[in-house]
Amino acid sequence: HVSSCRRVLVRPVNGVYASDHYGL
């Protein structure tokens, strides 16, 4: 059962994005 699903890494940390796409 999927209780929740969310996008992650959508905001930069110290001005740096983790990737050119967000994760789940």
PDB file of all heavy atoms in Angstrom:
ATOM      1  N   HIS A   1       0.856  -1.179   0.000  1.00  0.00           N
ATOM      2  CA  HIS A   1       0.000   0.000   0.000  1.00  0.00           C
ATOM      3  C   HIS A   1       0.898   1.237   0.000  1.00  0.00           C
ATOM      4  O   HIS A   1       1.862   1.311   0.770  1.00  0.00           O
ATOM      5  CB  HIS A   1      -0.900  -0.005   1.241  1.00  0.00           C
ATOM      6  CG  HIS A   1      -1.673   1.254   1.412  1.00  0.00           C
ATOM      7  ND1 HIS A   1      -2.767   1.560   0.635  1.00  0.00           N
ATOM      8  CD2 HIS A   1      -1.492   2.294   2.248  1.00  0.00           C
ATOM      9  CE1 HIS A   1      -3.236   2.742   1.002  1.00  0.00           C
ATOM     10  NE2 HIS A   1      -2.486   3.207   1.977  1.00  0.00           N
ATOM     11  N   VAL A   2       0.587   2.212  -0.835  1.00  0.00           N
ATOM     12  CA  VAL A   2       1.341   3.468  -0.878  1.00  0.00           C
ATOM     13  C   VAL A   2       0.685   4.436   0.096  1.00  0.00           C
ATOM     14  O   VAL A   2      -0.421   4.909  -0.141  1.00  0.00           O
ATOM     15  CB  VAL A   2       1.369   4.065  -2.299  1.00  0.00           C
ATOM     16  CG1 VAL A   2       2.230   5.323  -2.319  1.00  0.00           C
ATOM     17  CG2 VAL A   2       1.875   3.062  -3.318  1.00  0.00           C
ATOM     18  N   SER A   3       1.354   4.711   1.214  1.00  0.00           N
ATOM     19  CA  SER A   3       0.820   5.639   2.224  1.00  0.00           C
ATOM     20  C   SER A   3       1.013   7.090   1.796  1.00  0.00           C
ATOM     21  O   SER A   3       0.160   7.936   2.032  1.00  0.00           O
ATOM     22  CB  SER A   3       1.522   5.437   3.568  1.00  0.00           C
ATOM     23  OG  SER A   3       1.443   4.105   3.984  1.00  0.00           O
ATOM     24  N   SER A   4       2.168   7.362   1.187  1.00  0.00           N
ATOM     25  CA  SER A   4       2.451   8.709   0.698  1.00  0.00           C
ATOM     26  C   SER A   4       3.512   8.623  -0.384  1.00  0.00           C
ATOM     27  O   SER A   4       4.264   7.649  -0.463  1.00  0.00           O
ATOM     28  CB  SER A   4       2.932   9.622   1.836  1.00  0.00           C
ATOM     29  OG  SER A   4       4.210   9.246   2.275  1.00  0.00           O
ATOM     30  N   CYS A   5       3.545   9.648  -1.207  1.00  0.00           N
ATOM     31  CA  CYS A   5       4.568   9.765  -2.244  1.00  0.00           C
ATOM     32  C   CYS A   5       4.794  11.255  -2.455  1.00  0.00           C
ATOM     33  O   CYS A   5       3.836  12.026  -2.573  1.00  0.00           O
ATOM     34  CB  CYS A   5       4.129   9.085  -3.539  1.00  0.00           C
ATOM     35  SG  CYS A   5       5.453   8.986  -4.772  1.00  0.00           S
ATOM     36  N   ARG A   6       6.042  11.652  -2.459  1.00  0.00           N
ATOM     37  CA  ARG A   6       6.355  13.073  -2.573  1.00  0.00           C
ATOM     38  C   ARG A   6       7.622  13.282  -3.396  1.00  0.00           C
ATOM     39  O   ARG A   6       8.468  12.402  -3.467  1.00  0.00           O
ATOM     40  CB  ARG A   6       6.514  13.680  -1.184  1.00  0.00           C
ATOM     41  CG  ARG A   6       7.649  13.079  -0.388  1.00  0.00           C
ATOM     42  CD  ARG A   6       7.430  13.191   1.119  1.00  0.00           C
ATOM     43  NE  ARG A   6       8.365  12.362   1.842  1.00  0.00           N
ATOM     44  CZ  ARG A   6       8.249  11.054   2.028  1.00  0.00           C
ATOM     45  NH1 ARG A   6       7.236  10.391   1.534  1.00  0.00           N
ATOM     46  NH2 ARG A   6       9.150  10.385   2.710  1.00  0.00           N
ATOM     47  N   ARG A   7       7.702  14.486  -3.981  1.00  0.00           N
ATOM     48  CA  ARG A   7       8.924  14.867  -4.680  1.00  0.00           C
ATOM     49  C   ARG A   7       9.960  15.286  -3.641  1.00  0.00           C
ATOM     50  O   ARG A   7       9.622  15.908  -2.646  1.00  0.00           O
ATOM     51  CB  ARG A   7       8.657  16.012  -5.650  1.00  0.00           C
ATOM     52  CG  ARG A   7       7.752  15.607  -6.794  1.00  0.00           C
ATOM     53  CD  ARG A   7       7.569  16.699  -7.804  1.00  0.00           C
ATOM     54  NE  ARG A   7       7.180  17.947  -7.169  1.00  0.00           N
ATOM     55  CZ  ARG A   7       7.307  19.133  -7.733  1.00  0.00           C
ATOM     56  NH1 ARG A   7       7.787  19.253  -8.941  1.00  0.00           N
ATOM     57  NH2 ARG A   7       6.938  20.221  -7.099  1.00  0.00           N
ATOM     58  N   VAL A   8      11.214  14.932  -3.882  1.00  0.00           N
ATOM     59  CA  VAL A   8      12.293  15.299  -2.964  1.00  0.00           C
ATOM     60  C   VAL A   8      13.404  16.005  -3.743  1.00  0.00           C
ATOM     61  O   VAL A   8      13.460  15.925  -4.972  1.00  0.00           O
ATOM     62  CB  VAL A   8      12.855  14.064  -2.222  1.00  0.00           C
ATOM     63  CG1 VAL A   8      11.800  13.461  -1.308  1.00  0.00           C
ATOM     64  CG2 VAL A   8      13.384  13.019  -3.176  1.00  0.00           C
ATOM     65  N   LEU A   9      14.250  16.689  -3.018  1.00  0.00           N
ATOM     66  CA  LEU A   9      15.376  17.440  -3.593  1.00  0.00           C
ATOM     67  C   LEU A   9      14.892  18.542  -4.530  1.00  0.00           C
ATOM     68  O   LEU A   9      15.504  18.828  -5.552  1.00  0.00           O
ATOM     69  CB  LEU A   9      16.346  16.501  -4.321  1.00  0.00           C
ATOM     70  CG  LEU A   9      16.861  15.326  -3.495  1.00  0.00           C
ATOM     71  CD1 LEU A   9      17.645  14.357  -4.371  1.00  0.00           C
ATOM     72  CD2 LEU A   9      17.695  15.813  -2.322  1.00  0.00           C
ATOM     73  N   VAL A  10      13.761  19.186  -4.161  1.00  0.00           N
ATOM     74  CA  VAL A  10      13.188  20.235  -5.005  1.00  0.00           C
ATOM     75  C   VAL A  10      13.723  21.622  -4.666  1.00  0.00           C
ATOM     76  O   VAL A  10      13.488  22.557  -5.416  1.00  0.00           O
ATOM     77  CB  VAL A  10      11.640  20.239  -4.933  1.00  0.00           C
ATOM     78  CG1 VAL A  10      11.077  18.952  -5.474  1.00  0.00           C
ATOM     79  CG2 VAL A  10      11.144  20.491  -3.521  1.00  0.00           C
ATOM     80  N   ARG A  11      14.435  21.737  -3.567  1.00  0.00           N
ATOM     81  CA  ARG A  11      15.010  23.027  -3.180  1.00  0.00           C
ATOM     82  C   ARG A  11      16.530  22.888  -3.058  1.00  0.00           C
ATOM     83  O   ARG A  11      17.043  21.854  -2.686  1.00  0.00           O
ATOM     84  CB  ARG A  11      14.436  23.467  -1.840  1.00  0.00           C
ATOM     85  CG  ARG A  11      12.934  23.663  -1.860  1.00  0.00           C
ATOM     86  CD  ARG A  11      12.463  24.402  -0.643  1.00  0.00           C
ATOM     87  NE  ARG A  11      11.058  24.452  -0.357  1.00  0.00           N
ATOM     88  CZ  ARG A  11      10.044  24.537  -1.179  1.00  0.00           C
ATOM     89  NH1 ARG A  11      10.250  24.538  -2.450  1.00  0.00           N
ATOM     90  NH2 ARG A  11       8.801  24.604  -0.777  1.00  0.00           N
ATOM     91  N   PRO A  12      17.225  23.972  -3.336  1.00  0.00           N
ATOM     92  CA  PRO A  12      18.689  23.914  -3.212  1.00  0.00           C
ATOM     93  C   PRO A  12      19.119  23.900  -1.748  1.00  0.00           C
ATOM     94  O   PRO A  12      18.403  24.370  -0.870  1.00  0.00           O
ATOM     95  CB  PRO A  12      19.146  25.202  -3.901  1.00  0.00           C
ATOM     96  CG  PRO A  12      18.006  26.144  -3.709  1.00  0.00           C
ATOM     97  CD  PRO A  12      16.767  25.291  -3.778  1.00  0.00           C
ATOM     98  N   VAL A  13      20.288  23.350  -1.512  1.00  0.00           N
ATOM     99  CA  VAL A  13      20.930  23.403  -0.202  1.00  0.00           C
ATOM    100  C   VAL A  13      22.182  24.262  -0.372  1.00  0.00           C
ATOM    101  O   VAL A  13      23.031  23.952  -1.215  1.00  0.00           O
ATOM    102  CB  VAL A  13      21.295  21.983   0.293  1.00  0.00           C
ATOM    103  CG1 VAL A  13      22.089  22.063   1.595  1.00  0.00           C
ATOM    104  CG2 VAL A  13      20.051  21.136   0.466  1.00  0.00           C
ATOM    105  N   ASN A  14      22.234  25.340   0.358  1.00  0.00           N
ATOM    106  CA  ASN A  14      23.341  26.304   0.220  1.00  0.00           C
ATOM    107  C   ASN A  14      23.510  26.748  -1.229  1.00  0.00           C
ATOM    108  O   ASN A  14      24.630  26.869  -1.737  1.00  0.00           O
ATOM    109  CB  ASN A  14      24.652  25.719   0.765  1.00  0.00           C
ATOM    110  CG  ASN A  14      24.587  25.435   2.250  1.00  0.00           C
ATOM    111  OD1 ASN A  14      23.966  26.185   3.000  1.00  0.00           O
ATOM    112  ND2 ASN A  14      25.202  24.357   2.666  1.00  0.00           N
ATOM    113  N   GLY A  15      22.373  26.940  -1.924  1.00  0.00           N
ATOM    114  CA  GLY A  15      22.386  27.424  -3.297  1.00  0.00           C
ATOM    115  C   GLY A  15      22.678  26.373  -4.352  1.00  0.00           C
ATOM    116  O   GLY A  15      22.781  26.694  -5.532  1.00  0.00           O
ATOM    117  N   VAL A  16      22.815  25.111  -3.954  1.00  0.00           N
ATOM    118  CA  VAL A  16      23.172  24.048  -4.900  1.00  0.00           C
ATOM    119  C   VAL A  16      22.025  23.044  -5.011  1.00  0.00           C
ATOM    120  O   VAL A  16      21.553  22.513  -4.009  1.00  0.00           O
ATOM    121  CB  VAL A  16      24.464  23.312  -4.441  1.00  0.00           C
ATOM    122  CG1 VAL A  16      24.799  22.174  -5.382  1.00  0.00           C
ATOM    123  CG2 VAL A  16      25.618  24.293  -4.331  1.00  0.00           C
ATOM    124  N   TYR A  17      21.587  22.793  -6.255  1.00  0.00           N
ATOM    125  CA  TYR A  17      20.579  21.756  -6.516  1.00  0.00           C
ATOM    126  C   TYR A  17      21.277  20.407  -6.647  1.00  0.00           C
ATOM    127  O   TYR A  17      22.377  20.313  -7.201  1.00  0.00           O
ATOM    128  CB  TYR A  17      19.812  22.059  -7.810  1.00  0.00           C
ATOM    129  CG  TYR A  17      18.726  23.088  -7.621  1.00  0.00           C
ATOM    130  CD1 TYR A  17      19.015  24.449  -7.659  1.00  0.00           C
ATOM    131  CD2 TYR A  17      17.416  22.697  -7.393  1.00  0.00           C
ATOM    132  CE1 TYR A  17      18.024  25.393  -7.468  1.00  0.00           C
ATOM    133  CE2 TYR A  17      16.420  23.637  -7.210  1.00  0.00           C
ATOM    134  CZ  TYR A  17      16.726  24.983  -7.246  1.00  0.00           C
ATOM    135  OH  TYR A  17      15.742  25.903  -7.057  1.00  0.00           O
ATOM    136  N   ALA A  18      20.634  19.357  -6.160  1.00  0.00           N
ATOM    137  CA  ALA A  18      21.227  18.022  -6.188  1.00  0.00           C
ATOM    138  C   ALA A  18      21.345  17.469  -7.602  1.00  0.00           C
ATOM    139  O   ALA A  18      22.255  16.704  -7.900  1.00  0.00           O
ATOM    140  CB  ALA A  18      20.402  17.059  -5.331  1.00  0.00           C
ATOM    141  N   SER A  19      20.409  17.834  -8.473  1.00  0.00           N
ATOM    142  CA  SER A  19      20.366  17.250  -9.812  1.00  0.00           C
ATOM    143  C   SER A  19      19.539  18.150 -10.711  1.00  0.00           C
ATOM    144  O   SER A  19      18.887  19.087 -10.253  1.00  0.00           O
ATOM    145  CB  SER A  19      19.722  15.852  -9.719  1.00  0.00           C
ATOM    146  OG  SER A  19      19.553  15.299 -11.004  1.00  0.00           O
ATOM    147  N   ASP A  20      19.528  17.839 -11.996  1.00  0.00           N
ATOM    148  CA  ASP A  20      18.674  18.581 -12.916  1.00  0.00           C
ATOM    149  C   ASP A  20      17.244  18.036 -12.910  1.00  0.00           C
ATOM    150  O   ASP A  20      16.389  18.531 -13.638  1.00  0.00           O
ATOM    151  CB  ASP A  20      19.245  18.587 -14.337  1.00  0.00           C
ATOM    152  CG  ASP A  20      19.304  17.208 -14.967  1.00  0.00           C
ATOM    153  OD1 ASP A  20      19.116  16.205 -14.247  1.00  0.00           O
ATOM    154  OD2 ASP A  20      19.544  17.134 -16.179  1.00  0.00           O
ATOM    155  N   HIS A  21      16.997  17.038 -12.095  1.00  0.00           N
ATOM    156  CA  HIS A  21      15.620  16.576 -11.906  1.00  0.00           C
ATOM    157  C   HIS A  21      15.420  16.230 -10.442  1.00  0.00           C
ATOM    158  O   HIS A  21      16.377  16.018  -9.703  1.00  0.00           O
ATOM    159  CB  HIS A  21      15.267  15.394 -12.825  1.00  0.00           C
ATOM    160  CG  HIS A  21      16.135  14.197 -12.681  1.00  0.00           C
ATOM    161  ND1 HIS A  21      15.769  13.088 -11.952  1.00  0.00           N
ATOM    162  CD2 HIS A  21      17.375  13.940 -13.159  1.00  0.00           C
ATOM    163  CE1 HIS A  21      16.736  12.189 -12.011  1.00  0.00           C
ATOM    164  NE2 HIS A  21      17.724  12.686 -12.729  1.00  0.00           N
ATOM    165  N   TYR A  22      14.163  16.258 -10.028  1.00  0.00           N
ATOM    166  CA  TYR A  22      13.816  15.973  -8.645  1.00  0.00           C
ATOM    167  C   TYR A  22      13.622  14.473  -8.478  1.00  0.00           C
ATOM    168  O   TYR A  22      13.383  13.760  -9.437  1.00  0.00           O
ATOM    169  CB  TYR A  22      12.541  16.711  -8.254  1.00  0.00           C
ATOM    170  CG  TYR A  22      12.540  18.174  -8.635  1.00  0.00           C
ATOM    171  CD1 TYR A  22      11.479  18.744  -9.318  1.00  0.00           C
ATOM    172  CD2 TYR A  22      13.617  19.002  -8.311  1.00  0.00           C
ATOM    173  CE1 TYR A  22      11.479  20.089  -9.663  1.00  0.00           C
ATOM    174  CE2 TYR A  22      13.623  20.345  -8.655  1.00  0.00           C
ATOM    175  CZ  TYR A  22      12.550  20.884  -9.335  1.00  0.00           C
ATOM    176  OH  TYR A  22      12.554  22.208  -9.676  1.00  0.00           O
ATOM    177  N   GLY A  23      13.729  14.010  -7.268  1.00  0.00           N
ATOM    178  CA  GLY A  23      13.503  12.606  -6.990  1.00  0.00           C
ATOM    179  C   GLY A  23      12.124  12.371  -6.403  1.00  0.00           C
ATOM    180  O   GLY A  23      11.359  13.308  -6.174  1.00  0.00           O
ATOM    181  N   LEU A  24      11.820  11.119  -6.164  1.00  0.00           N
ATOM    182  CA  LEU A  24      10.576  10.732  -5.498  1.00  0.00           C
ATOM    183  C   LEU A  24      10.918   9.878  -4.292  1.00  0.00           C
ATOM    184  O   LEU A  24      11.887   9.113  -4.307  1.00  0.00           O
ATOM    185  CB  LEU A  24       9.681   9.912  -6.433  1.00  0.00           C
ATOM    186  CG  LEU A  24       9.038  10.621  -7.598  1.00  0.00           C
ATOM    187  CD1 LEU A  24       8.272   9.623  -8.458  1.00  0.00           C
ATOM    188  CD2 LEU A  24       8.103  11.711  -7.116  1.00  0.00           C
TER     189      LEU A  24
END
